[in-house]
PDB file of N, CA and C in Angstrom:
ATOM      1  N   MET A   1      45.281   6.110 -47.384  1.00  0.00           N
ATOM      2  CA  MET A   1      45.052   5.914 -48.619  1.00  0.00           C
ATOM      3  C   MET A   1      44.250   4.633 -48.990  1.00  0.00           C
ATOM      4  N   ALA A   2      43.606   3.831 -48.099  1.00  0.00           N
ATOM      5  CA  ALA A   2      42.779   2.741 -48.383  1.00  0.00           C
ATOM      6  C   ALA A   2      41.569   3.374 -48.428  1.00  0.00           C
ATOM      7  N   ILE A   3      41.218   4.657 -47.902  1.00  0.00           N
ATOM      8  CA  ILE A   3      39.953   5.233 -48.186  1.00  0.00           C
ATOM      9  C   ILE A   3      39.662   5.658 -49.791  1.00  0.00           C
ATOM     10  N   PHE A   4      40.888   5.799 -50.443  1.00  0.00           N
ATOM     11  CA  PHE A   4      40.961   6.276 -51.972  1.00  0.00           C
ATOM     12  C   PHE A   4      40.943   5.351 -52.676  1.00  0.00           C
ATOM     13  N   GLY A   5      41.585   4.283 -52.147  1.00  0.00           N
ATOM     14  CA  GLY A   5      41.589   2.730 -53.304  1.00  0.00           C
ATOM     15  C   GLY A   5      40.184   2.372 -53.724  1.00  0.00           C
ATOM     16  N   GLY A   6      39.270   2.606 -52.913  1.00  0.00           N
ATOM     17  CA  GLY A   6      38.208   1.828 -53.455  1.00  0.00           C
ATOM     18  C   GLY A   6      37.238   2.653 -54.729  1.00  0.00           C
ATOM     19  N   PHE A   7      37.667   3.931 -54.506  1.00  0.00           N
ATOM     20  CA  PHE A   7      36.956   4.883 -55.473  1.00  0.00           C
ATOM     21  C   PHE A   7      38.203   5.402 -56.629  1.00  0.00           C
ATOM     22  N   ALA A   8      39.172   4.785 -56.686  1.00  0.00           N
ATOM     23  CA  ALA A   8      40.103   5.043 -57.682  1.00  0.00           C
ATOM     24  C   ALA A   8      39.801   5.099 -59.127  1.00  0.00           C
ATOM     25  N   GLN A   9      38.970   3.993 -59.450  1.00  0.00           N
ATOM     26  CA  GLN A   9      38.528   3.759 -60.887  1.00  0.00           C
ATOM     27  C   GLN A   9      37.603   4.920 -61.219  1.00  0.00           C
ATOM     28  N   PHE A  10      36.755   5.325 -60.192  1.00  0.00           N
ATOM     29  CA  PHE A  10      35.682   6.416 -60.173  1.00  0.00           C
ATOM     30  C   PHE A  10      36.431   7.862 -60.535  1.00  0.00           C
ATOM     31  N   PHE A  11      37.597   8.026 -59.729  1.00  0.00           N
ATOM     32  CA  PHE A  11      38.227   9.358 -59.713  1.00  0.00           C
ATOM     33  C   PHE A  11      39.221   9.324 -61.035  1.00  0.00           C
ATOM     34  N   VAL A  12      39.582   8.187 -61.098  1.00  0.00           N
ATOM     35  CA  VAL A  12      40.451   8.490 -62.745  1.00  0.00           C
ATOM     36  C   VAL A  12      39.687   8.308 -63.979  1.00  0.00           C
ATOM     37  N   THR A  13      38.449   7.878 -63.952  1.00  0.00           N
ATOM     38  CA  THR A  13      37.638   8.029 -65.091  1.00  0.00           C
ATOM     39  C   THR A  13      36.965   9.507 -65.183  1.00  0.00           C
ATOM     40  N   SER A  14      36.519  10.215 -63.911  1.00  0.00           N
ATOM     41  CA  SER A  14      36.198  11.604 -63.825  1.00  0.00           C
ATOM     42  C   SER A  14      37.307  12.447 -64.339  1.00  0.00           C
ATOM     43  N   LEU A  15      38.679  12.261 -64.007  1.00  0.00           N
ATOM     44  CA  LEU A  15      39.565  13.257 -63.849  1.00  0.00           C
ATOM     45  C   LEU A  15      39.539  13.419 -65.491  1.00  0.00           C
ATOM     46  N   ILE A  16      39.592  11.931 -66.357  1.00  0.00           N
ATOM     47  CA  ILE A  16      40.021  11.879 -67.814  1.00  0.00           C
ATOM     48  C   ILE A  16      38.864  12.438 -68.481  1.00  0.00           C
ATOM     49  N   VAL A  17      37.866  12.446 -67.972  1.00  0.00           N
ATOM     50  CA  VAL A  17      36.460  13.058 -68.515  1.00  0.00           C
ATOM     51  C   VAL A  17      36.710  14.347 -68.620  1.00  0.00           C
ATOM     52  N   MET A  18      36.971  15.104 -67.297  1.00  0.00           N
ATOM     53  CA  MET A  18      36.816  16.149 -66.853  1.00  0.00           C
ATOM     54  C   MET A  18      38.031  17.013 -67.759  1.00  0.00           C
ATOM     55  N   THR A  19      39.223  16.631 -67.766  1.00  0.00           N
ATOM     56  CA  THR A  19      40.139  17.200 -68.246  1.00  0.00           C
ATOM     57  C   THR A  19      40.535  16.951 -69.830  1.00  0.00           C
ATOM     58  N   LYS A  20      39.719  15.480 -70.154  1.00  0.00           N
ATOM     59  CA  LYS A  20      40.256  15.253 -71.312  1.00  0.00           C
ATOM     60  C   LYS A  20      41.652  14.907 -72.091  1.00  0.00           C
ATOM     61  N   SER A  21      42.023  14.490 -70.722  1.00  0.00           N
ATOM     62  CA  SER A  21      43.941  14.374 -70.903  1.00  0.00           C
ATOM     63  C   SER A  21      44.185  12.546 -70.022  1.00  0.00           C
ATOM     64  N   VAL A  22      44.705  11.881 -71.096  1.00  0.00           N
ATOM     65  CA  VAL A  22      44.965  10.375 -70.440  1.00  0.00           C
ATOM     66  C   VAL A  22      46.293  10.730 -69.234  1.00  0.00           C
ATOM     67  N   ILE A  23      46.776  11.827 -69.000  1.00  0.00           N
ATOM     68  CA  ILE A  23      47.684  12.095 -68.241  1.00  0.00           C
ATOM     69  C   ILE A  23      47.099  11.990 -66.895  1.00  0.00           C
ATOM     70  N   ALA A  24      46.060  12.489 -66.804  1.00  0.00           N
ATOM     71  CA  ALA A  24      45.349  12.921 -65.499  1.00  0.00           C
ATOM     72  C   ALA A  24      45.326  12.015 -64.401  1.00  0.00           C
ATOM     73  N   PRO A  25      45.354  10.743 -64.468  1.00  0.00           N
ATOM     74  CA  PRO A  25      45.605   9.604 -63.485  1.00  0.00           C
ATOM     75  C   PRO A  25      47.083   9.871 -63.098  1.00  0.00           C
ATOM     76  N   ALA A  26      48.037  10.175 -63.621  1.00  0.00           N
ATOM     77  CA  ALA A  26      49.715  10.363 -62.928  1.00  0.00           C
ATOM     78  C   ALA A  26      49.132  11.485 -61.727  1.00  0.00           C
ATOM     79  N   TRP A  27      48.201  12.434 -62.477  1.00  0.00           N
ATOM     80  CA  TRP A  27      48.519  13.665 -61.229  1.00  0.00           C
ATOM     81  C   TRP A  27      47.724  13.301 -60.015  1.00  0.00           C
ATOM     82  N   TYR A  28      46.875  12.140 -60.369  1.00  0.00           N
ATOM     83  CA  TYR A  28      45.831  11.957 -59.471  1.00  0.00           C
ATOM     84  C   TYR A  28      46.933  10.913 -58.360  1.00  0.00           C
ATOM     85  N   VAL A  29      47.640  10.154 -58.449  1.00  0.00           N
ATOM     86  CA  VAL A  29      49.053   9.249 -58.024  1.00  0.00           C
ATOM     87  C   VAL A  29      50.025  10.223 -57.310  1.00  0.00           C
ATOM     88  N   ILE A  30      50.244  11.237 -58.002  1.00  0.00           N
ATOM     89  CA  ILE A  30      51.257  11.988 -57.671  1.00  0.00           C
ATOM     90  C   ILE A  30      50.363  12.722 -56.336  1.00  0.00           C
ATOM     91  N   GLY A  31      49.319  13.260 -56.393  1.00  0.00           N
ATOM     92  CA  GLY A  31      48.740  14.004 -55.474  1.00  0.00           C
ATOM     93  C   GLY A  31      48.758  12.980 -54.101  1.00  0.00           C
ATOM     94  N   CYS A  32      48.435  11.642 -54.229  1.00  0.00           N
ATOM     95  CA  CYS A  32      48.257  10.781 -53.270  1.00  0.00           C
ATOM     96  C   CYS A  32      49.512  10.481 -52.561  1.00  0.00           C
ATOM     97  N   GLY A  33      50.633  10.574 -53.333  1.00  0.00           N
ATOM     98  CA  GLY A  33      51.981  10.504 -53.077  1.00  0.00           C
ATOM     99  C   GLY A  33      52.418  11.503 -52.001  1.00  0.00           C
ATOM    100  N   ALA A  34      52.051  12.769 -52.521  1.00  0.00           N
ATOM    101  CA  ALA A  34      52.335  13.980 -51.694  1.00  0.00           C
ATOM    102  C   ALA A  34      51.272  14.014 -50.532  1.00  0.00           C
ATOM    103  N   LEU A  35      50.268  13.512 -50.363  1.00  0.00           N
ATOM    104  CA  LEU A  35      49.570  13.857 -49.244  1.00  0.00           C
ATOM    105  C   LEU A  35      50.117  12.408 -48.333  1.00  0.00           C
ATOM    106  N   SER A  36      50.673  11.332 -48.500  1.00  0.00           N
ATOM    107  CA  SER A  36      51.139  10.416 -47.967  1.00  0.00           C
ATOM    108  C   SER A  36      52.577  11.089 -47.294  1.00  0.00           C
ATOM    109  N   VAL A  37      53.488  11.664 -48.000  1.00  0.00           N
ATOM    110  CA  VAL A  37      54.802  12.325 -47.530  1.00  0.00           C
ATOM    111  C   VAL A  37      54.256  13.559 -46.515  1.00  0.00           C
ATOM    112  N   ILE A  38      53.362  14.063 -46.646  1.00  0.00           N
ATOM    113  CA  ILE A  38      53.162  15.137 -45.773  1.00  0.00           C
ATOM    114  C   ILE A  38      52.509  14.433 -44.360  1.00  0.00           C
ATOM    115  N   ALA A  39      51.694  13.307 -44.562  1.00  0.00           N
ATOM    116  CA  ALA A  39      51.172  12.699 -43.211  1.00  0.00           C
ATOM    117  C   ALA A  39      52.484  11.962 -42.533  1.00  0.00           C
ATOM    118  N   VAL A  40      53.754  11.535 -43.260  1.00  0.00           N
ATOM    119  CA  VAL A  40      54.767  10.609 -42.642  1.00  0.00           C
ATOM    120  C   VAL A  40      55.550  11.842 -41.947  1.00  0.00           C
ATOM    121  N   ALA A  41      55.596  13.198 -42.704  1.00  0.00           N
ATOM    122  CA  ALA A  41      56.348  13.987 -41.976  1.00  0.00           C
ATOM    123  C   ALA A  41      55.922  14.386 -40.606  1.00  0.00           C
ATOM    124  N   PHE A  42      54.669  14.359 -40.387  1.00  0.00           N
ATOM    125  CA  PHE A  42      54.157  14.696 -39.069  1.00  0.00           C
ATOM    126  C   PHE A  42      54.033  13.620 -38.290  1.00  0.00           C
ATOM    127  N   MET A  43      54.703  12.353 -38.431  1.00  0.00           N
ATOM    128  CA  MET A  43      54.515  11.348 -37.681  1.00  0.00           C
ATOM    129  C   MET A  43      55.643  11.608 -36.363  1.00  0.00           C
ATOM    130  N   TYR A  44      55.456  10.984 -35.472  1.00  0.00           N
ATOM    131  CA  TYR A  44      55.951  10.894 -34.222  1.00  0.00           C
ATOM    132  C   TYR A  44      56.950   9.812 -34.001  1.00  0.00           C
ATOM    133  N   GLU A  45      58.075  10.021 -33.738  1.00  0.00           N
ATOM    134  CA  GLU A  45      59.260   8.599 -33.579  1.00  0.00           C
ATOM    135  C   GLU A  45      58.867   8.041 -32.353  1.00  0.00           C
ATOM    136  N   ARG A  46      58.149   6.775 -32.304  1.00  0.00           N
ATOM    137  CA  ARG A  46      58.162   5.811 -31.044  1.00  0.00           C
ATOM    138  C   ARG A  46      58.599   4.819 -30.681  1.00  0.00           C
ATOM    139  N   SER A  47      59.956   4.546 -31.639  1.00  0.00           N
ATOM    140  CA  SER A  47      60.763   3.269 -31.510  1.00  0.00           C
ATOM    141  C   SER A  47      61.453   3.194 -30.053  1.00  0.00           C
ATOM    142  N   GLN A  48      61.475   4.170 -29.631  1.00  0.00           N
ATOM    143  CA  GLN A  48      62.485   4.403 -28.257  1.00  0.00           C
ATOM    144  C   GLN A  48      61.813   4.576 -27.219  1.00  0.00           C
ATOM    145  N   ASP A  49      60.389   4.713 -27.331  1.00  0.00           N
ATOM    146  CA  ASP A  49      59.551   4.912 -26.219  1.00  0.00           C
ATOM    147  C   ASP A  49      59.282   3.672 -25.112  1.00  0.00           C
ATOM    148  N   MET A  50      59.279   3.943 -24.220  1.00  0.00           N
ATOM    149  CA  MET A  50      58.773   2.475 -23.073  1.00  0.00           C
ATOM    150  C   MET A  50      57.560   1.887 -23.450  1.00  0.00           C
ATOM    151  N   LEU A  51      57.554   0.723 -23.033  1.00  0.00           N
ATOM    152  CA  LEU A  51      55.935  -0.048 -23.480  1.00  0.00           C
ATOM    153  C   LEU A  51      55.400   0.165 -22.012  1.00  0.00           C
ATOM    154  N   ASP A  52      54.113   0.372 -21.674  1.00  0.00           N
ATOM    155  CA  ASP A  52      53.610   0.248 -20.752  1.00  0.00           C
ATOM    156  C   ASP A  52      53.447  -0.883 -19.997  1.00  0.00           C
TER     157      ASP A  52
END
């Protein structure tokens, strides 16, 4: 998510201009949240692994 953080203002402004909807930033946040949930779902649990 850090990659998208710096460009958030650009993306949000572009979405508002392209869609002509002030609700567009909400869809941006929902999309980023969905990507985060998918990434967490594929993470491997390592809390019980032995340290080298």
